[in-house]
N, C-alpha and C. Protein backbone atom coordinates (compact mmCIF):
# COMPACT_ATOMS: atom_id res chain seq x y z
N GLN A 1 -155.98 -132.29 191.65
CA GLN A 1 -155.07 -131.12 191.21
C GLN A 1 -156.04 -129.70 191.84
N GLN A 2 -157.57 -129.83 191.73
CA GLN A 2 -158.15 -128.51 192.21
C GLN A 2 -157.80 -128.31 193.72
N GLN A 3 -157.76 -129.93 194.58
CA GLN A 3 -157.41 -129.83 195.69
C GLN A 3 -156.07 -128.54 196.13
N SER A 4 -155.09 -129.17 195.22
CA SER A 4 -154.01 -128.51 195.52
C SER A 4 -153.94 -127.14 194.84
N LEU A 5 -154.48 -126.44 193.92
CA LEU A 5 -154.53 -125.07 193.89
C LEU A 5 -155.59 -124.39 194.94
N PHE A 6 -156.43 -125.06 195.81
CA PHE A 6 -157.05 -124.34 196.58
C PHE A 6 -155.81 -124.32 198.02
N LEU A 7 -155.29 -125.46 198.17
CA LEU A 7 -154.49 -125.17 199.06
C LEU A 7 -153.38 -124.34 198.61
N ILE A 8 -152.48 -124.06 197.75
CA ILE A 8 -151.63 -123.05 197.44
C ILE A 8 -152.62 -121.49 197.36
N ASP A 9 -153.73 -121.34 196.94
CA ASP A 9 -154.33 -120.28 197.07
C ASP A 9 -154.61 -119.74 198.46
N ASN A 10 -154.77 -120.90 199.32
CA ASN A 10 -155.01 -120.66 200.49
C ASN A 10 -153.80 -120.32 201.49
N TRP A 11 -152.77 -120.84 201.10
CA TRP A 11 -151.47 -120.55 201.42
C TRP A 11 -150.61 -119.24 201.36
N CYS A 12 -151.25 -118.62 200.05
CA CYS A 12 -151.09 -117.06 199.45
C CYS A 12 -151.48 -116.27 199.96
N VAL A 13 -153.33 -116.49 200.58
CA VAL A 13 -154.02 -115.98 201.10
C VAL A 13 -153.54 -115.34 202.83
N ASN A 14 -153.10 -116.70 203.19
CA ASN A 14 -152.64 -116.65 204.56
C ASN A 14 -151.11 -115.76 204.63
N TYR A 15 -150.48 -116.27 203.76
CA TYR A 15 -148.70 -115.18 204.02
C TYR A 15 -149.20 -113.90 203.82
N GLU A 16 -150.22 -113.29 202.75
CA GLU A 16 -150.48 -111.98 202.57
C GLU A 16 -150.95 -111.20 203.87
N LYS A 17 -152.23 -111.99 204.86
CA LYS A 17 -152.46 -111.74 205.60
C LYS A 17 -151.33 -111.38 207.24
N ARG A 18 -150.19 -112.64 206.86
CA ARG A 18 -149.08 -112.27 207.74
C ARG A 18 -148.26 -111.19 207.42
N ILE A 19 -147.92 -110.61 206.19
CA ILE A 19 -147.25 -109.61 205.76
C ILE A 19 -148.25 -108.23 206.56
N ARG A 20 -149.46 -108.11 205.79
CA ARG A 20 -149.96 -107.03 206.62
C ARG A 20 -150.20 -106.81 207.92
N ALA A 21 -150.40 -108.12 208.56
CA ALA A 21 -150.23 -107.93 210.17
C ALA A 21 -149.15 -107.28 210.90
N LEU A 22 -148.01 -107.66 209.96
CA LEU A 22 -146.84 -107.39 210.30
C LEU A 22 -146.39 -105.60 209.99
N GLY A 23 -147.47 -105.07 209.42
CA GLY A 23 -146.97 -103.51 208.87
C GLY A 23 -146.72 -103.80 207.30
N GLY A 24 -146.47 -104.76 206.54
CA GLY A 24 -145.89 -104.57 205.14
C GLY A 24 -144.65 -105.15 205.52
N ILE A 25 -144.20 -105.25 204.10
CA ILE A 25 -142.63 -105.62 203.97
C ILE A 25 -141.58 -104.02 204.32
N GLY A 26 -140.47 -104.46 205.15
CA GLY A 26 -139.65 -103.24 205.54
C GLY A 26 -138.39 -103.35 204.45
N PHE A 27 -138.20 -104.00 203.83
CA PHE A 27 -136.98 -104.02 202.95
C PHE A 27 -137.54 -105.16 201.85
N PHE A 28 -137.24 -104.48 200.39
CA PHE A 28 -137.56 -105.46 199.32
C PHE A 28 -136.26 -105.36 198.37
N LEU A 29 -135.64 -106.42 197.55
CA LEU A 29 -134.49 -106.32 196.99
C LEU A 29 -134.86 -107.20 195.91
N GLY A 30 -134.98 -106.73 194.69
CA GLY A 30 -135.24 -106.95 193.35
C GLY A 30 -134.57 -106.80 192.46
N GLY A 31 -134.92 -107.65 191.05
CA GLY A 31 -133.87 -107.17 189.88
C GLY A 31 -135.25 -106.93 188.62
N ILE A 32 -134.99 -106.37 187.74
CA ILE A 32 -135.78 -105.99 186.97
C ILE A 32 -135.62 -107.47 185.92
N GLY A 33 -136.57 -108.04 185.37
CA GLY A 33 -136.38 -109.04 183.94
C GLY A 33 -136.06 -108.27 182.77
N PRO A 34 -135.94 -109.17 181.96
CA PRO A 34 -135.42 -108.45 180.46
C PRO A 34 -136.97 -108.15 179.89
N ASP A 35 -138.02 -108.55 180.62
CA ASP A 35 -139.48 -108.07 179.90
C ASP A 35 -140.16 -106.85 180.83
N GLY A 36 -139.15 -106.77 181.77
CA GLY A 36 -139.59 -105.60 182.93
C GLY A 36 -140.17 -106.15 184.25
N HIS A 37 -140.51 -107.55 184.15
CA HIS A 37 -141.13 -108.07 185.40
C HIS A 37 -140.46 -107.40 186.60
N ILE A 38 -140.97 -107.74 187.65
CA ILE A 38 -140.20 -107.70 189.01
C ILE A 38 -141.12 -108.97 189.91
N GLY A 39 -140.23 -109.51 190.23
CA GLY A 39 -140.59 -111.12 190.89
C GLY A 39 -141.03 -111.59 189.60
N PHE A 40 -142.40 -112.08 190.07
CA PHE A 40 -143.05 -112.67 188.82
C PHE A 40 -144.36 -111.99 188.46
N ASN A 41 -144.30 -110.57 188.57
CA ASN A 41 -145.24 -109.54 188.19
C ASN A 41 -144.92 -109.17 186.95
N ILE A 42 -145.61 -109.60 185.62
CA ILE A 42 -145.30 -109.50 184.57
C ILE A 42 -145.78 -108.46 184.05
N ARG A 43 -145.52 -107.83 183.04
CA ARG A 43 -146.47 -106.91 182.14
C ARG A 43 -148.06 -106.90 182.31
N GLY A 44 -148.79 -105.91 182.41
CA GLY A 44 -150.35 -105.99 183.19
C GLY A 44 -150.37 -106.74 184.48
N SER A 45 -149.43 -107.04 185.18
CA SER A 45 -150.08 -107.27 186.71
C SER A 45 -150.30 -106.13 187.35
N ASP A 46 -151.44 -106.28 187.85
CA ASP A 46 -152.11 -105.26 188.75
C ASP A 46 -151.46 -104.44 189.93
N PRO A 47 -151.26 -103.29 190.08
CA PRO A 47 -150.28 -102.55 190.82
C PRO A 47 -150.82 -103.02 192.10
N HIS A 48 -152.12 -103.16 192.57
CA HIS A 48 -152.39 -103.58 193.88
C HIS A 48 -152.47 -105.03 194.35
N SER A 49 -151.84 -105.99 193.20
CA SER A 49 -152.19 -107.22 193.66
C SER A 49 -151.07 -107.91 194.63
N SER A 50 -151.81 -108.91 195.27
CA SER A 50 -151.38 -109.57 196.50
C SER A 50 -150.32 -110.76 196.34
N THR A 51 -150.01 -111.56 197.25
CA THR A 51 -149.29 -112.64 196.88
C THR A 51 -150.23 -113.61 196.42
N ARG A 52 -149.86 -114.35 195.17
CA ARG A 52 -150.72 -115.31 194.75
C ARG A 52 -149.74 -116.46 193.62
N LEU A 53 -150.50 -117.37 193.38
CA LEU A 53 -149.73 -118.22 192.14
C LEU A 53 -150.41 -117.70 190.95
N THR A 54 -149.35 -117.51 189.90
CA THR A 54 -150.28 -117.12 188.53
C THR A 54 -149.04 -117.45 187.48
N ALA A 55 -149.33 -117.59 186.28
CA ALA A 55 -148.76 -117.99 185.02
C ALA A 55 -148.11 -116.87 184.77
N THR A 56 -146.98 -117.12 183.91
CA THR A 56 -145.74 -116.06 183.20
C THR A 56 -145.97 -116.04 181.90
N ASN A 57 -145.30 -114.83 181.47
CA ASN A 57 -145.21 -114.85 179.92
C ASN A 57 -143.98 -115.26 179.36
N PHE A 58 -143.86 -115.62 178.15
CA PHE A 58 -142.74 -116.75 177.35
C PHE A 58 -141.39 -115.70 177.75
N GLU A 59 -141.74 -114.56 177.88
CA GLU A 59 -140.08 -113.68 177.94
C GLU A 59 -140.00 -114.28 179.64
N THR A 60 -140.31 -113.97 180.62
CA THR A 60 -140.35 -114.73 181.83
C THR A 60 -139.83 -116.08 181.91
N GLN A 61 -140.70 -116.80 181.16
CA GLN A 61 -140.44 -118.18 181.25
C GLN A 61 -138.78 -118.45 180.76
N ALA A 62 -138.61 -117.85 179.72
CA ALA A 62 -137.13 -117.73 179.01
C ALA A 62 -136.10 -117.47 180.09
N ALA A 63 -136.44 -116.35 180.93
CA ALA A 63 -135.57 -116.03 181.79
C ALA A 63 -135.16 -116.69 182.98
N ALA A 64 -136.11 -117.53 183.38
CA ALA A 64 -135.96 -118.03 184.56
C ALA A 64 -135.61 -119.96 184.04
N ALA A 65 -135.84 -120.22 182.58
CA ALA A 65 -135.51 -121.24 182.11
C ALA A 65 -134.39 -121.98 182.83
N GLY A 66 -132.92 -121.07 183.14
CA GLY A 66 -131.88 -121.85 183.63
C GLY A 66 -132.01 -122.00 184.74
N ASP A 67 -132.97 -121.47 185.63
CA ASP A 67 -133.15 -121.80 187.16
C ASP A 67 -134.04 -123.10 187.27
N LEU A 68 -134.98 -123.16 186.60
CA LEU A 68 -135.65 -123.95 186.44
C LEU A 68 -135.88 -125.42 185.76
N GLY A 69 -134.33 -125.79 184.86
CA GLY A 69 -134.39 -126.79 184.00
C GLY A 69 -134.66 -126.67 182.99
N GLY A 70 -134.60 -125.61 182.40
CA GLY A 70 -134.90 -125.78 180.82
C GLY A 70 -136.09 -124.80 180.32
N ILE A 71 -136.24 -124.40 179.22
CA ILE A 71 -137.77 -123.76 178.82
C ILE A 71 -138.77 -124.92 178.62
N GLU A 72 -138.69 -125.93 178.56
CA GLU A 72 -140.04 -126.74 178.35
C GLU A 72 -140.43 -127.15 179.74
N ILE A 73 -139.54 -126.84 181.14
CA ILE A 73 -139.96 -127.37 181.83
C ILE A 73 -140.77 -125.92 182.59
N SER A 74 -140.20 -124.94 182.56
CA SER A 74 -140.30 -123.71 182.62
C SER A 74 -141.99 -122.92 182.12
N GLN A 75 -142.15 -123.50 181.14
CA GLN A 75 -143.03 -123.04 180.49
C GLN A 75 -144.59 -123.60 181.06
N ASN A 76 -144.56 -124.80 181.83
CA ASN A 76 -145.51 -125.24 182.13
C ASN A 76 -145.62 -125.32 183.73
N LYS A 77 -145.04 -124.15 184.01
CA LYS A 77 -145.16 -124.05 185.61
C LYS A 77 -145.97 -122.46 186.02
N LEU A 78 -146.54 -122.54 187.17
CA LEU A 78 -146.94 -121.57 187.45
C LEU A 78 -146.26 -121.41 188.83
N VAL A 79 -146.14 -120.00 189.20
CA VAL A 79 -145.47 -119.61 190.24
C VAL A 79 -146.05 -119.07 191.50
N ILE A 80 -145.43 -118.96 192.48
CA ILE A 80 -145.96 -117.67 193.44
C ILE A 80 -145.18 -116.54 193.62
N THR A 81 -145.87 -115.59 193.30
CA THR A 81 -145.10 -114.29 193.87
C THR A 81 -145.82 -113.55 194.53
N LEU A 82 -144.65 -112.35 195.24
CA LEU A 82 -145.11 -111.46 196.09
C LEU A 82 -146.18 -110.30 195.07
N GLY A 83 -147.24 -109.77 195.40
CA GLY A 83 -147.66 -109.00 194.59
C GLY A 83 -146.91 -107.89 194.68
N LEU A 84 -147.51 -106.75 193.60
CA LEU A 84 -146.88 -105.47 193.70
C LEU A 84 -147.49 -104.55 194.45
N GLY A 85 -148.79 -104.96 195.14
CA GLY A 85 -149.51 -104.24 196.27
C GLY A 85 -148.77 -104.86 197.66
N SER A 86 -148.21 -106.04 197.44
CA SER A 86 -147.91 -106.78 198.75
C SER A 86 -146.30 -105.87 199.24
N ILE A 87 -145.40 -105.63 198.36
CA ILE A 87 -144.36 -105.18 198.30
C ILE A 87 -144.41 -103.47 198.60
N SER A 88 -145.75 -102.91 197.96
CA SER A 88 -145.65 -101.55 198.35
C SER A 88 -146.90 -101.22 199.39
N TYR A 89 -147.14 -102.07 200.01
CA TYR A 89 -148.29 -101.81 201.27
C TYR A 89 -147.86 -101.03 202.27
N ASN A 90 -146.62 -101.17 202.52
CA ASN A 90 -145.90 -100.38 203.60
C ASN A 90 -145.21 -99.20 202.82
N PRO A 91 -145.68 -98.01 203.17
CA PRO A 91 -145.29 -96.67 202.62
C PRO A 91 -143.89 -96.40 202.51
N ASN A 92 -143.21 -96.92 203.62
CA ASN A 92 -141.94 -96.64 204.32
C ASN A 92 -141.13 -97.99 203.53
N VAL A 93 -141.23 -98.92 202.85
CA VAL A 93 -140.49 -100.09 202.38
C VAL A 93 -139.61 -99.29 202.01
N THR A 94 -137.93 -99.85 202.11
CA THR A 94 -137.04 -99.63 201.28
C THR A 94 -136.72 -100.74 200.08
N ALA A 95 -137.16 -100.39 199.13
CA ALA A 95 -137.28 -100.94 197.97
C ALA A 95 -135.72 -100.60 196.95
N ILE A 96 -135.13 -101.94 196.81
CA ILE A 96 -133.88 -101.63 195.91
C ILE A 96 -133.85 -102.46 194.71
N ILE A 97 -134.00 -102.11 193.40
CA ILE A 97 -134.32 -102.51 192.35
C ILE A 97 -132.99 -102.10 191.65
N PHE A 98 -132.58 -103.53 191.24
CA PHE A 98 -131.37 -103.43 189.94
C PHE A 98 -131.65 -103.94 189.11
N ALA A 99 -130.85 -103.71 187.76
CA ALA A 99 -130.56 -103.92 186.83
C ALA A 99 -129.38 -103.74 185.71
N ALA A 100 -129.13 -104.81 185.01
CA ALA A 100 -127.66 -104.68 184.80
C ALA A 100 -127.71 -105.12 183.01
N GLY A 101 -127.00 -104.50 182.34
CA GLY A 101 -126.52 -104.51 180.80
C GLY A 101 -127.77 -103.68 180.00
N GLU A 102 -127.22 -103.57 178.54
CA GLU A 102 -128.08 -103.24 177.78
C GLU A 102 -129.51 -103.51 177.63
N SER A 103 -129.64 -104.79 177.38
CA SER A 103 -131.04 -105.36 177.06
C SER A 103 -132.18 -105.03 178.12
N LYS A 104 -131.69 -104.38 179.51
CA LYS A 104 -132.70 -103.69 180.43
C LYS A 104 -132.92 -102.55 180.30
N ALA A 105 -132.20 -101.72 179.18
CA ALA A 105 -132.41 -100.51 179.33
C ALA A 105 -133.72 -99.92 178.97
N PRO A 106 -134.23 -100.36 178.03
CA PRO A 106 -135.68 -100.05 177.56
C PRO A 106 -136.64 -100.19 178.82
N MET A 107 -136.43 -101.33 179.73
CA MET A 107 -137.05 -101.21 180.80
C MET A 107 -136.97 -100.52 182.00
N VAL A 108 -135.75 -100.38 182.08
CA VAL A 108 -135.38 -99.16 183.05
C VAL A 108 -135.75 -97.87 182.64
N ARG A 109 -135.70 -97.54 181.47
CA ARG A 109 -136.15 -95.89 181.17
C ARG A 109 -137.59 -96.20 181.12
N ASP A 110 -138.49 -96.83 181.16
CA ASP A 110 -139.83 -97.00 180.83
C ASP A 110 -140.37 -97.08 182.48
N ALA A 111 -139.66 -98.04 183.35
CA ALA A 111 -140.19 -97.71 184.58
C ALA A 111 -139.65 -96.43 185.19
N LEU A 112 -138.43 -95.70 185.00
CA LEU A 112 -138.16 -94.49 185.38
C LEU A 112 -138.80 -93.06 184.68
N GLU A 113 -139.17 -93.12 183.91
CA GLU A 113 -139.14 -92.05 183.09
C GLU A 113 -140.60 -91.78 182.04
N LYS A 114 -141.42 -92.67 182.45
CA LYS A 114 -143.28 -93.02 181.69
C LYS A 114 -143.58 -93.10 183.16
N GLU A 115 -144.98 -92.65 182.97
CA GLU A 115 -145.81 -92.37 184.06
C GLU A 115 -146.19 -93.80 184.57
N PRO A 116 -146.17 -94.20 185.78
CA PRO A 116 -146.58 -95.39 186.08
C PRO A 116 -147.72 -96.26 185.77
N SER A 117 -147.49 -97.37 185.36
CA SER A 117 -148.44 -98.51 184.61
C SER A 117 -148.44 -99.72 184.82
N ASN A 118 -149.11 -100.61 184.83
CA ASN A 118 -149.04 -102.09 184.86
C ASN A 118 -148.32 -102.68 183.61
N LEU A 119 -148.18 -101.69 182.81
CA LEU A 119 -147.12 -101.97 181.47
C LEU A 119 -145.93 -102.40 182.01
N TYR A 120 -145.44 -101.23 182.93
CA TYR A 120 -143.97 -101.64 183.54
C TYR A 120 -144.16 -101.63 185.15
N PRO A 121 -144.08 -102.99 185.46
CA PRO A 121 -144.29 -103.21 187.03
C PRO A 121 -143.23 -102.62 187.78
N ALA A 122 -141.92 -102.34 187.50
CA ALA A 122 -141.26 -101.69 188.27
C ALA A 122 -141.86 -100.34 188.46
N SER A 123 -142.20 -99.23 187.56
CA SER A 123 -142.91 -97.93 187.66
C SER A 123 -143.71 -97.98 188.95
N VAL A 124 -144.14 -98.75 189.31
CA VAL A 124 -145.18 -98.80 190.55
C VAL A 124 -144.10 -98.51 191.62
N LEU A 125 -142.87 -99.47 191.79
CA LEU A 125 -142.06 -99.22 192.95
C LEU A 125 -141.04 -97.90 193.01
N SER A 126 -140.89 -97.29 191.60
CA SER A 126 -140.43 -96.16 191.57
C SER A 126 -141.36 -94.80 192.11
N GLU A 127 -142.57 -95.33 192.65
CA GLU A 127 -143.09 -94.00 193.12
C GLU A 127 -143.02 -94.21 194.69
N LEU A 128 -142.51 -95.29 195.27
CA LEU A 128 -142.17 -95.37 196.77
C LEU A 128 -141.05 -94.38 197.08
N PRO A 129 -141.01 -93.44 198.09
CA PRO A 129 -140.07 -92.49 198.46
C PRO A 129 -138.70 -93.01 199.07
N ASN A 130 -138.82 -94.60 199.34
CA ASN A 130 -137.58 -95.17 199.69
C ASN A 130 -137.21 -95.99 198.60
N ALA A 131 -137.56 -95.87 197.62
CA ALA A 131 -137.26 -96.91 196.20
C ALA A 131 -135.59 -96.46 195.90
N ARG A 132 -134.93 -97.48 195.24
CA ARG A 132 -133.73 -96.61 194.76
C ARG A 132 -133.31 -97.78 193.75
N PHE A 133 -132.84 -97.67 192.56
CA PHE A 133 -132.80 -98.39 191.50
C PHE A 133 -130.94 -97.97 191.16
N TYR A 134 -130.58 -99.03 191.46
CA TYR A 134 -129.18 -99.33 191.04
C TYR A 134 -128.55 -99.81 189.90
N ILE A 135 -128.50 -99.42 189.01
CA ILE A 135 -128.24 -100.06 187.38
C ILE A 135 -126.93 -99.71 187.03
N THR A 136 -126.86 -100.64 185.89
CA THR A 136 -125.31 -100.17 185.05
C THR A 136 -125.29 -99.14 184.19
N ARG A 137 -124.10 -99.01 183.83
CA ARG A 137 -123.81 -97.94 182.69
C ARG A 137 -124.99 -98.43 181.70
N GLY A 138 -124.57 -99.86 181.27
CA GLY A 138 -125.54 -100.64 180.30
C GLY A 138 -127.06 -100.24 180.18
N ALA A 139 -127.48 -100.27 181.46
CA ALA A 139 -128.87 -100.38 181.59
C ALA A 139 -129.22 -98.93 181.44
N ALA A 140 -128.42 -97.88 181.68
CA ALA A 140 -128.90 -96.32 181.93
C ALA A 140 -128.59 -95.99 180.77
N VAL A 141 -128.36 -96.65 179.46
CA VAL A 141 -127.81 -95.64 178.31
C VAL A 141 -129.12 -95.00 177.99
N MET A 142 -130.45 -95.56 178.17
CA MET A 142 -131.56 -95.01 177.32
C MET A 142 -132.23 -93.96 178.17
N LEU A 143 -131.62 -93.51 179.34
CA LEU A 143 -132.37 -92.57 180.03
C LEU A 143 -131.57 -91.25 179.61
N LYS A 144 -132.75 -90.24 179.87
CA LYS A 144 -132.69 -88.96 179.30
C LYS A 144 -131.08 -88.42 179.74
N ASP A 145 -131.11 -88.47 181.04
CA ASP A 145 -129.96 -87.48 181.64
C ASP A 145 -128.57 -88.69 180.93
N SER A 146 -128.45 -89.50 180.94
CA SER A 146 -127.47 -90.52 180.68
C SER A 146 -127.28 -89.89 178.99
N VAL A 147 -128.15 -90.04 178.34
CA VAL A 147 -127.93 -89.84 176.86
C VAL A 147 -127.68 -88.53 176.91
N ASP A 148 -127.94 -87.41 177.49
CA ASP A 148 -127.50 -85.94 177.16
C ASP A 148 -126.33 -85.90 177.84
N TYR A 149 -125.59 -86.62 179.14
CA TYR A 149 -124.11 -86.65 179.46
C TYR A 149 -123.70 -87.22 178.35
N PHE A 150 -123.98 -88.49 177.61
CA PHE A 150 -122.99 -89.14 176.58
C PHE A 150 -122.47 -87.78 175.36
N TYR A 151 -123.72 -87.01 174.86
CA TYR A 151 -123.48 -86.48 173.95
C TYR A 151 -122.62 -85.28 174.57
N LYS A 152 -123.08 -84.66 175.57
CA LYS A 152 -122.42 -83.07 176.29
C LYS A 152 -121.12 -83.22 176.90
N ALA A 153 -120.63 -84.42 177.76
CA ALA A 153 -119.62 -84.44 178.36
C ALA A 153 -117.99 -84.39 177.79
N SER A 154 -118.15 -84.69 176.55
CA SER A 154 -116.74 -84.75 176.11
C SER A 154 -116.78 -84.37 174.40
N PRO A 155 -115.56 -84.00 174.03
CA PRO A 155 -115.94 -83.69 172.46
C PRO A 155 -116.36 -84.49 171.52
N TRP A 156 -117.06 -84.25 170.67
CA TRP A 156 -117.54 -84.81 169.34
C TRP A 156 -116.84 -85.98 169.00
N ASN A 157 -116.94 -86.89 168.83
CA ASN A 157 -116.09 -87.84 168.17
C ASN A 157 -117.20 -88.94 167.12
N GLN A 158 -116.29 -89.84 166.35
CA GLN A 158 -117.12 -91.11 165.57
C GLN A 158 -118.31 -91.84 166.51
N GLU A 159 -117.80 -92.18 167.54
CA GLU A 159 -118.76 -93.15 168.48
C GLU A 159 -120.10 -92.17 168.56
N LYS A 160 -119.91 -90.92 168.85
CA LYS A 160 -120.88 -90.11 168.87
C LYS A 160 -121.87 -90.18 167.48
N THR A 161 -121.16 -89.66 166.48
CA THR A 161 -121.98 -89.57 165.19
C THR A 161 -122.22 -90.91 164.86
N ASP A 162 -121.90 -92.36 164.92
CA ASP A 162 -122.50 -93.20 164.79
C ASP A 162 -123.83 -93.61 165.73
N ARG A 163 -123.78 -93.32 166.82
CA ARG A 163 -124.77 -93.63 167.84
C ARG A 163 -125.88 -92.45 167.57
N ALA A 164 -125.47 -91.19 167.05
CA ALA A 164 -126.84 -90.14 166.55
C ALA A 164 -127.38 -90.47 165.79
N VAL A 165 -126.83 -91.10 164.61
CA VAL A 165 -127.30 -91.82 163.32
C VAL A 165 -128.24 -92.84 163.77
N ILE A 166 -127.78 -93.86 164.26
CA ILE A 166 -128.68 -95.07 164.74
C ILE A 166 -129.93 -94.60 165.37
N ASP A 167 -129.55 -93.50 166.51
CA ASP A 167 -130.63 -93.23 167.21
C ASP A 167 -131.98 -92.64 166.41
N LEU A 168 -131.20 -91.57 165.31
CA LEU A 168 -132.24 -90.69 164.42
C LEU A 168 -133.02 -91.72 163.62
N CYS A 169 -132.24 -92.88 163.04
CA CYS A 169 -133.01 -94.11 162.05
C CYS A 169 -134.05 -94.45 163.07
N LYS A 170 -133.62 -94.89 164.30
CA LYS A 170 -134.86 -95.23 165.07
C LYS A 170 -135.97 -94.88 165.31
N LYS A 171 -136.01 -93.44 165.11
CA LYS A 171 -136.82 -92.25 165.53
C LYS A 171 -137.88 -92.30 164.39
N ILE A 172 -137.23 -92.33 162.96
CA ILE A 172 -138.11 -92.20 162.07
C ILE A 172 -138.37 -93.37 161.57
N ASN A 173 -137.72 -94.57 161.94
CA ASN A 173 -137.89 -96.09 161.81
C ASN A 173 -137.44 -96.34 160.32
């Protein structure tokens, strides 16, 4: 088992060397996971991380369970991921990040409206000049501009009243 880990780690190092020898990644396409991960760069991943073998958190395991054959299998798997530093090594990389659904709204808001942080892996990519986020209306509901537009674009109605009350309740807990 130790020999296997050594071989995998060596493969990751060589892969990273090839990426850098070519000047970095020119085009990256990825989605934001339900916990904010990009690839398998979970919350807390080093913004300068490279291609590596890594463990995942429960949220990422649950999201990957359908692809890996169930939660009991995904819980016990290590994964290989491009690091955030691998993706952003080329300052001119075109990075397309997508998010769909209201369940991704907090992650989209944190990535786009908070200071870049390893708590929000997508925030590292948002700093790239050629990064673009393609998000559904649901994924955008917590963005400040989207919220402002919701309240100001049309006449006040019961839906707006309900949402304002719910938002206020959340703010004051």
